[in-house]
Amino acid sequence: MELYADQSKESSANRFAYETVVKRWPVIITSIIDNVHQANHEIMTKGSTDNFYNKIVEGKQLIRSLSELKAEMSRDRPLRFIPDDRGVDISVYNDELQALINLELNTWFTAPWLFAECYLYRLVRSWFALTVHWSQHDPFEHQKIFTFQASGKAVFQLAVTMADLDDASSSMSMDDARLEILFGEMIQMCLWGNATDLSLLPSLDYKDIQALQSVGKIAQAASMDHILRNDSQQVWESLKDLRDAQIDVVLDNSGFELFTDLVLADFLVTHTPFVSKVVFQYVARFVSLTDSRCVPCSPKLLPWFVSDVLPKDFASQLAEKDWVSFFVSSYPSPSDQEAAALTGMMRRWRSHIASGAFELSVPLDTPIGPLSVDFNRREGDNSALDGATFWTLPYSFWRLPEQISLINQLEKSALVIFKGDLNYRKLTADVKWSASTPLPSAIGPLGGHIPILSLRTCKADVVVGLEPGVAEKLDEQEKGWRVSGK
């Protein structure tokens, strides 16, 4: 079982975790209810065939189950066992829940925060999976699309930046000094792309989103003041002498953050000699399995923490479409230069997919849902739990070394980039560490296996790797700095 003794709990003593249970999660559940209700309404306006009727009936049952879940959460009721939808991960969740029952830590206010939050999304997924007509429905898809559509200004800015870089690369050599500066800017861009997390910011408007995603030089310089730990120089030193290496990226949010991940991957593959292939895995990783010039990435296999990348989100972001019309609500009049830059960059990304320079760890048309128990599973063989399914287990990444095939893949990488707050919490086992604890100590058994870069804006209490006294000073000067995402 997982180590729970020192993990964050949702008790009132842990303010942010407690507020998550009583405020944020009910809002998320309500958004799912609203989504299903709206879908049912649209079905009723289209016709009354038997299939339509049956889907409406299933939708109403989903709404009842979700409403009951909200009530149970507010009353601190025990967590229920997840119904068997034939996913290979069901026994993992239910075995962990049984262990919590034995410890009397199995209610919404007493369960370890990391387990309870993962459990919430897996429980909801099981209800959708057990239907006939809703099994491939992503209740967060509309929110993800809306948020990305609100990112038009930043998207076009980055596209022009990359086009300018293309022009500069063709007219002058990219020596180490230039590449080092560009690499630092790309890493910072990827960091702040993580600021948009729909599970934490369910009611953002266009102005809020654009402020979070400002990518101009002035905004970048101002953002440096908010970076508490910056190891990008050490990362540069470890990469600068590599040739055709592999990099893994464990993805987080879709939309603008995925866009910035793709920009970084494009920069590494197109403009540096370091990397020639990026593989995006379910949760997201840049890793090479066969080609040395590869960045693989990992998406999630089920709707996860509202905005995390599903395979179909990845496919949609690379699709050939009228991007000017897509972003018209937030950026109605891009210049011809901006439109051409974005179209050209998207075309190059599709060519990277075709050539294998970009690769998703699972097929782009992979359906929603964890692997079935029938998927390549032999008695005593846990390989199906490796890879894609592992990322949506309730485990911390301290358990990664136990996933033999996955850790063997990651150990081939020159660098593994973990994106976002949840991945940071899982790296550190969500333990209440002293803020000055070195990251190599906080990642426990994972230490020494793989070279890690964690890009995270603070959205939960756990923080490590700070100089002594920094956290105490911030506690006095800026209340809530650990959870603000700034």
Foldseek 3Di string as FASTA:
>chain_A
DFDDPFFAFLAVVFPQSVCCLLPLVLVVLVLLLVLLVVVLVVLVVPDDDPVNVQSNVLSVVLNVVSVVVNVQSNVQHFDDQADCLQFPCSCVLNVVLVVCVVVVQGTNRRPRSLSVQLVVQVSSLSSQSPGDPRNQPQSLVVVQLVLLLLQVVLLLVLLLVVVVVVVVVVVDPCDLVNVLVVQVLLLLLLLLLQLDQCSQVVDDDSVRSNVSNDSDPVVSVVCVVLDQDDPSVVVCVLQQPAALAWWWEQAFFFRSSVVSVLSSLCCCCPPHRRANAQQQQCRFMWFDDDGSRHRRGHRAQACHSSGTDHLLSVVVVLDDDQVQVSNCVNPVDDDPSSSVSSNVVSVVSVVCPVVRRYHYPDDSPRGHDHDGCPPVDDVVDPQSCPTRVVVSHSAACLCVVVNPVNLVRQLRGSEYEYEEDSNVCSQQVNGQDDQAAQSLVSSPNCRPSHHYDYSYQAQGQDHHNGDPPPVVVCVVVPPPRNRNSD
